[in-house]
Amino acid sequence: MSDKKSVLWFVILVGVVSLCADATYEGARSITGAYLGSLGRVAPLSVWSPDLGS
């Protein structure tokens, strides 16, 4: 493989990995409130408590 092809392949691979990681993170963040609500947490705490780790 030529040097330019190797670089292009690496950039595309890193982009795909980043896309998968972002989809996983955003999916987990989108269900956090509903999950805490199903555990009986009140709405303000459900919004506030996940931000403690950030």
PDB file of N, CA and C in Angstrom:
ATOM      1  N   MET A   1       0.841  -1.191   0.000  1.00  0.00           N
ATOM      2  CA  MET A   1       0.000   0.000   0.000  1.00  0.00           C
ATOM      3  C   MET A   1       0.882   1.248   0.000  1.00  0.00           C
ATOM      4  N   SER A   2       0.488   2.237  -0.736  1.00  0.00           N
ATOM      5  CA  SER A   2       1.281   3.460  -0.759  1.00  0.00           C
ATOM      6  C   SER A   2       1.058   4.243   0.531  1.00  0.00           C
ATOM      7  N   ASP A   3       1.933   5.187   0.751  1.00  0.00           N
ATOM      8  CA  ASP A   3       1.883   5.970   1.984  1.00  0.00           C
ATOM      9  C   ASP A   3       0.592   6.797   2.081  1.00  0.00           C
ATOM     10  N   LYS A   4       0.153   7.384   0.958  1.00  0.00           N
ATOM     11  CA  LYS A   4      -1.071   8.189   0.973  1.00  0.00           C
ATOM     12  C   LYS A   4      -2.296   7.326   1.247  1.00  0.00           C
ATOM     13  N   LYS A   5      -2.330   6.109   0.698  1.00  0.00           N
ATOM     14  CA  LYS A   5      -3.460   5.213   0.937  1.00  0.00           C
ATOM     15  C   LYS A   5      -3.513   4.796   2.403  1.00  0.00           C
ATOM     16  N   SER A   6      -2.361   4.571   2.986  1.00  0.00           N
ATOM     17  CA  SER A   6      -2.309   4.183   4.396  1.00  0.00           C
ATOM     18  C   SER A   6      -2.853   5.288   5.292  1.00  0.00           C
ATOM     19  N   VAL A   7      -2.475   6.508   4.982  1.00  0.00           N
ATOM     20  CA  VAL A   7      -2.944   7.647   5.767  1.00  0.00           C
ATOM     21  C   VAL A   7      -4.455   7.817   5.612  1.00  0.00           C
ATOM     22  N   LEU A   8      -4.942   7.714   4.393  1.00  0.00           N
ATOM     23  CA  LEU A   8      -6.379   7.836   4.149  1.00  0.00           C
ATOM     24  C   LEU A   8      -7.154   6.734   4.873  1.00  0.00           C
ATOM     25  N   TRP A   9      -6.665   5.504   4.800  1.00  0.00           N
ATOM     26  CA  TRP A   9      -7.300   4.373   5.475  1.00  0.00           C
ATOM     27  C   TRP A   9      -7.351   4.614   6.985  1.00  0.00           C
ATOM     28  N   PHE A  10      -6.274   5.123   7.560  1.00  0.00           N
ATOM     29  CA  PHE A  10      -6.226   5.398   9.001  1.00  0.00           C
ATOM     30  C   PHE A  10      -7.227   6.481   9.384  1.00  0.00           C
ATOM     31  N   VAL A  11      -7.312   7.544   8.603  1.00  0.00           N
ATOM     32  CA  VAL A  11      -8.247   8.640   8.903  1.00  0.00           C
ATOM     33  C   VAL A  11      -9.689   8.142   8.829  1.00  0.00           C
ATOM     34  N   ILE A  12      -9.997   7.340   7.828  1.00  0.00           N
ATOM     35  CA  ILE A  12     -11.350   6.793   7.707  1.00  0.00           C
ATOM     36  C   ILE A  12     -11.661   5.859   8.876  1.00  0.00           C
ATOM     37  N   LEU A  13     -10.719   5.034   9.266  1.00  0.00           N
ATOM     38  CA  LEU A  13     -10.911   4.110  10.385  1.00  0.00           C
ATOM     39  C   LEU A  13     -11.138   4.867  11.693  1.00  0.00           C
ATOM     40  N   VAL A  14     -10.362   5.895  11.941  1.00  0.00           N
ATOM     41  CA  VAL A  14     -10.542   6.701  13.152  1.00  0.00           C
ATOM     42  C   VAL A  14     -11.905   7.398  13.126  1.00  0.00           C
ATOM     43  N   GLY A  15     -12.340   7.843  11.965  1.00  0.00           N
ATOM     44  CA  GLY A  15     -13.649   8.466  11.844  1.00  0.00           C
ATOM     45  C   GLY A  15     -14.782   7.505  12.162  1.00  0.00           C
ATOM     46  N   VAL A  16     -14.680   6.270  11.689  1.00  0.00           N
ATOM     47  CA  VAL A  16     -15.709   5.260  11.969  1.00  0.00           C
ATOM     48  C   VAL A  16     -15.733   4.925  13.456  1.00  0.00           C
ATOM     49  N   VAL A  17     -14.572   4.781  14.063  1.00  0.00           N
ATOM     50  CA  VAL A  17     -14.505   4.508  15.502  1.00  0.00           C
ATOM     51  C   VAL A  17     -15.109   5.667  16.285  1.00  0.00           C
ATOM     52  N   SER A  18     -14.811   6.894  15.882  1.00  0.00           N
ATOM     53  CA  SER A  18     -15.362   8.067  16.541  1.00  0.00           C
ATOM     54  C   SER A  18     -16.880   8.126  16.400  1.00  0.00           C
ATOM     55  N   LEU A  19     -17.392   7.789  15.218  1.00  0.00           N
ATOM     56  CA  LEU A  19     -18.829   7.767  14.994  1.00  0.00           C
ATOM     57  C   LEU A  19     -19.516   6.761  15.907  1.00  0.00           C
ATOM     58  N   CYS A  20     -18.948   5.569  16.022  1.00  0.00           N
ATOM     59  CA  CYS A  20     -19.532   4.537  16.899  1.00  0.00           C
ATOM     60  C   CYS A  20     -19.487   4.966  18.361  1.00  0.00           C
ATOM     61  N   ALA A  21     -18.389   5.558  18.787  1.00  0.00           N
ATOM     62  CA  ALA A  21     -18.279   6.008  20.174  1.00  0.00           C
ATOM     63  C   ALA A  21     -19.273   7.124  20.466  1.00  0.00           C
ATOM     64  N   ASP A  22     -19.440   8.045  19.538  1.00  0.00           N
ATOM     65  CA  ASP A  22     -20.376   9.152  19.734  1.00  0.00           C
ATOM     66  C   ASP A  22     -21.812   8.658  19.777  1.00  0.00           C
ATOM     67  N   ALA A  23     -22.152   7.704  18.919  1.00  0.00           N
ATOM     68  CA  ALA A  23     -23.506   7.150  18.917  1.00  0.00           C
ATOM     69  C   ALA A  23     -23.797   6.432  20.235  1.00  0.00           C
ATOM     70  N   THR A  24     -22.817   5.716  20.759  1.00  0.00           N
ATOM     71  CA  THR A  24     -22.984   5.030  22.040  1.00  0.00           C
ATOM     72  C   THR A  24     -23.159   6.031  23.168  1.00  0.00           C
ATOM     73  N   TYR A  25     -22.329   7.060  23.199  1.00  0.00           N
ATOM     74  CA  TYR A  25     -22.400   8.072  24.258  1.00  0.00           C
ATOM     75  C   TYR A  25     -23.727   8.824  24.220  1.00  0.00           C
ATOM     76  N   GLU A  26     -24.114   9.283  23.055  1.00  0.00           N
ATOM     77  CA  GLU A  26     -25.356  10.048  22.937  1.00  0.00           C
ATOM     78  C   GLU A  26     -26.576   9.176  23.229  1.00  0.00           C
ATOM     79  N   GLY A  27     -26.533   7.925  22.836  1.00  0.00           N
ATOM     80  CA  GLY A  27     -27.627   7.013  23.141  1.00  0.00           C
ATOM     81  C   GLY A  27     -27.765   6.787  24.632  1.00  0.00           C
ATOM     82  N   ALA A  28     -26.644   6.637  25.311  1.00  0.00           N
ATOM     83  CA  ALA A  28     -26.677   6.448  26.761  1.00  0.00           C
ATOM     84  C   ALA A  28     -27.179   7.706  27.465  1.00  0.00           C
ATOM     85  N   ARG A  29     -26.755   8.872  26.995  1.00  0.00           N
ATOM     86  CA  ARG A  29     -27.206  10.123  27.614  1.00  0.00           C
ATOM     87  C   ARG A  29     -28.698  10.354  27.399  1.00  0.00           C
ATOM     88  N   SER A  30     -29.223   9.880  26.260  1.00  0.00           N
ATOM     89  CA  SER A  30     -30.631  10.141  25.957  1.00  0.00           C
ATOM     90  C   SER A  30     -31.573   9.308  26.814  1.00  0.00           C
ATOM     91  N   ILE A  31     -31.119   8.178  27.326  1.00  0.00           N
ATOM     92  CA  ILE A  31     -32.006   7.352  28.141  1.00  0.00           C
ATOM     93  C   ILE A  31     -31.780   7.520  29.635  1.00  0.00           C
ATOM     94  N   THR A  32     -30.814   8.338  30.028  1.00  0.00           N
ATOM     95  CA  THR A  32     -30.491   8.488  31.445  1.00  0.00           C
ATOM     96  C   THR A  32     -31.683   9.002  32.244  1.00  0.00           C
ATOM     97  N   GLY A  33     -32.346  10.038  31.756  1.00  0.00           N
ATOM     98  CA  GLY A  33     -33.488  10.602  32.485  1.00  0.00           C
ATOM     99  C   GLY A  33     -34.634   9.621  32.621  1.00  0.00           C
ATOM    100  N   ALA A  34     -34.949   8.916  31.545  1.00  0.00           N
ATOM    101  CA  ALA A  34     -36.027   7.925  31.586  1.00  0.00           C
ATOM    102  C   ALA A  34     -35.668   6.775  32.524  1.00  0.00           C
ATOM    103  N   TYR A  35     -34.406   6.366  32.511  1.00  0.00           N
ATOM    104  CA  TYR A  35     -33.974   5.277  33.390  1.00  0.00           C
ATOM    105  C   TYR A  35     -34.081   5.695  34.859  1.00  0.00           C
ATOM    106  N   LEU A  36     -33.586   6.882  35.180  1.00  0.00           N
ATOM    107  CA  LEU A  36     -33.690   7.346  36.562  1.00  0.00           C
ATOM    108  C   LEU A  36     -35.143   7.551  36.966  1.00  0.00           C
ATOM    109  N   GLY A  37     -35.986   7.991  36.023  1.00  0.00           N
ATOM    110  CA  GLY A  37     -37.412   8.133  36.297  1.00  0.00           C
ATOM    111  C   GLY A  37     -38.055   6.799  36.611  1.00  0.00           C
ATOM    112  N   SER A  38     -37.638   5.750  35.926  1.00  0.00           N
ATOM    113  CA  SER A  38     -38.197   4.424  36.198  1.00  0.00           C
ATOM    114  C   SER A  38     -37.753   3.900  37.561  1.00  0.00           C
ATOM    115  N   LEU A  39     -36.657   4.447  38.078  1.00  0.00           N
ATOM    116  CA  LEU A  39     -36.208   4.060  39.415  1.00  0.00           C
ATOM    117  C   LEU A  39     -36.903   4.867  40.506  1.00  0.00           C
ATOM    118  N   GLY A  40     -37.730   5.834  40.101  1.00  0.00           N
ATOM    119  CA  GLY A  40     -38.479   6.619  41.068  1.00  0.00           C
ATOM    120  C   GLY A  40     -37.838   7.934  41.449  1.00  0.00           C
ATOM    121  N   ARG A  41     -36.846   8.371  40.698  1.00  0.00           N
ATOM    122  CA  ARG A  41     -36.213   9.654  40.988  1.00  0.00           C
ATOM    123  C   ARG A  41     -37.126  10.776  40.520  1.00  0.00           C
ATOM    124  N   VAL A  42     -37.109  11.893  41.228  1.00  0.00           N
ATOM    125  CA  VAL A  42     -37.907  13.042  40.808  1.00  0.00           C
ATOM    126  C   VAL A  42     -37.185  13.768  39.674  1.00  0.00           C
ATOM    127  N   ALA A  43     -37.928  14.518  38.885  1.00  0.00           N
ATOM    128  CA  ALA A  43     -37.398  15.131  37.670  1.00  0.00           C
ATOM    129  C   ALA A  43     -36.189  16.036  37.903  1.00  0.00           C
ATOM    130  N   PRO A  44     -36.212  16.977  38.850  1.00  0.00           N
ATOM    131  CA  PRO A  44     -35.022  17.834  39.006  1.00  0.00           C
ATOM    132  C   PRO A  44     -33.767  17.055  39.362  1.00  0.00           C
ATOM    133  N   LEU A  45     -33.898  16.040  40.165  1.00  0.00           N
ATOM    134  CA  LEU A  45     -32.716  15.239  40.509  1.00  0.00           C
ATOM    135  C   LEU A  45     -32.266  14.384  39.331  1.00  0.00           C
ATOM    136  N   SER A  46     -33.209  13.951  38.507  1.00  0.00           N
ATOM    137  CA  SER A  46     -32.858  13.164  37.336  1.00  0.00           C
ATOM    138  C   SER A  46     -32.059  13.968  36.337  1.00  0.00           C
ATOM    139  N   VAL A  47     -32.303  15.268  36.293  1.00  0.00           N
ATOM    140  CA  VAL A  47     -31.565  16.140  35.375  1.00  0.00           C
ATOM    141  C   VAL A  47     -30.251  16.547  36.006  1.00  0.00           C
ATOM    142  N   TRP A  48     -30.245  16.820  37.276  1.00  0.00           N
ATOM    143  CA  TRP A  48     -29.073  17.370  37.933  1.00  0.00           C
ATOM    144  C   TRP A  48     -28.019  16.324  38.244  1.00  0.00           C
ATOM    145  N   SER A  49     -28.411  15.143  38.720  1.00  0.00           N
ATOM    146  CA  SER A  49     -27.456  14.161  39.199  1.00  0.00           C
ATOM    147  C   SER A  49     -26.499  13.599  38.137  1.00  0.00           C
ATOM    148  N   PRO A  50     -26.924  13.389  36.872  1.00  0.00           N
ATOM    149  CA  PRO A  50     -25.939  12.893  35.901  1.00  0.00           C
ATOM    150  C   PRO A  50     -24.847  13.916  35.600  1.00  0.00           C
ATOM    151  N   ASP A  51     -25.130  15.186  35.819  1.00  0.00           N
ATOM    152  CA  ASP A  51     -24.134  16.218  35.534  1.00  0.00           C
ATOM    153  C   ASP A  51     -23.058  16.300  36.609  1.00  0.00           C
ATOM    154  N   LEU A  52     -23.237  15.609  37.720  1.00  0.00           N
ATOM    155  CA  LEU A  52     -22.231  15.635  38.762  1.00  0.00           C
ATOM    156  C   LEU A  52     -20.918  15.000  38.300  1.00  0.00           C
ATOM    157  N   GLY A  53     -21.024  13.981  37.465  1.00  0.00           N
ATOM    158  CA  GLY A  53     -19.820  13.302  36.982  1.00  0.00           C
ATOM    159  C   GLY A  53     -19.082  14.060  35.914  1.00  0.00           C
ATOM    160  N   SER A  54     -19.704  15.044  35.307  1.00  0.00           N
ATOM    161  CA  SER A  54     -19.052  15.764  34.211  1.00  0.00           C
ATOM    162  C   SER A  54     -18.099  16.813  34.715  1.00  0.00           C
TER     163      SER A  54
END
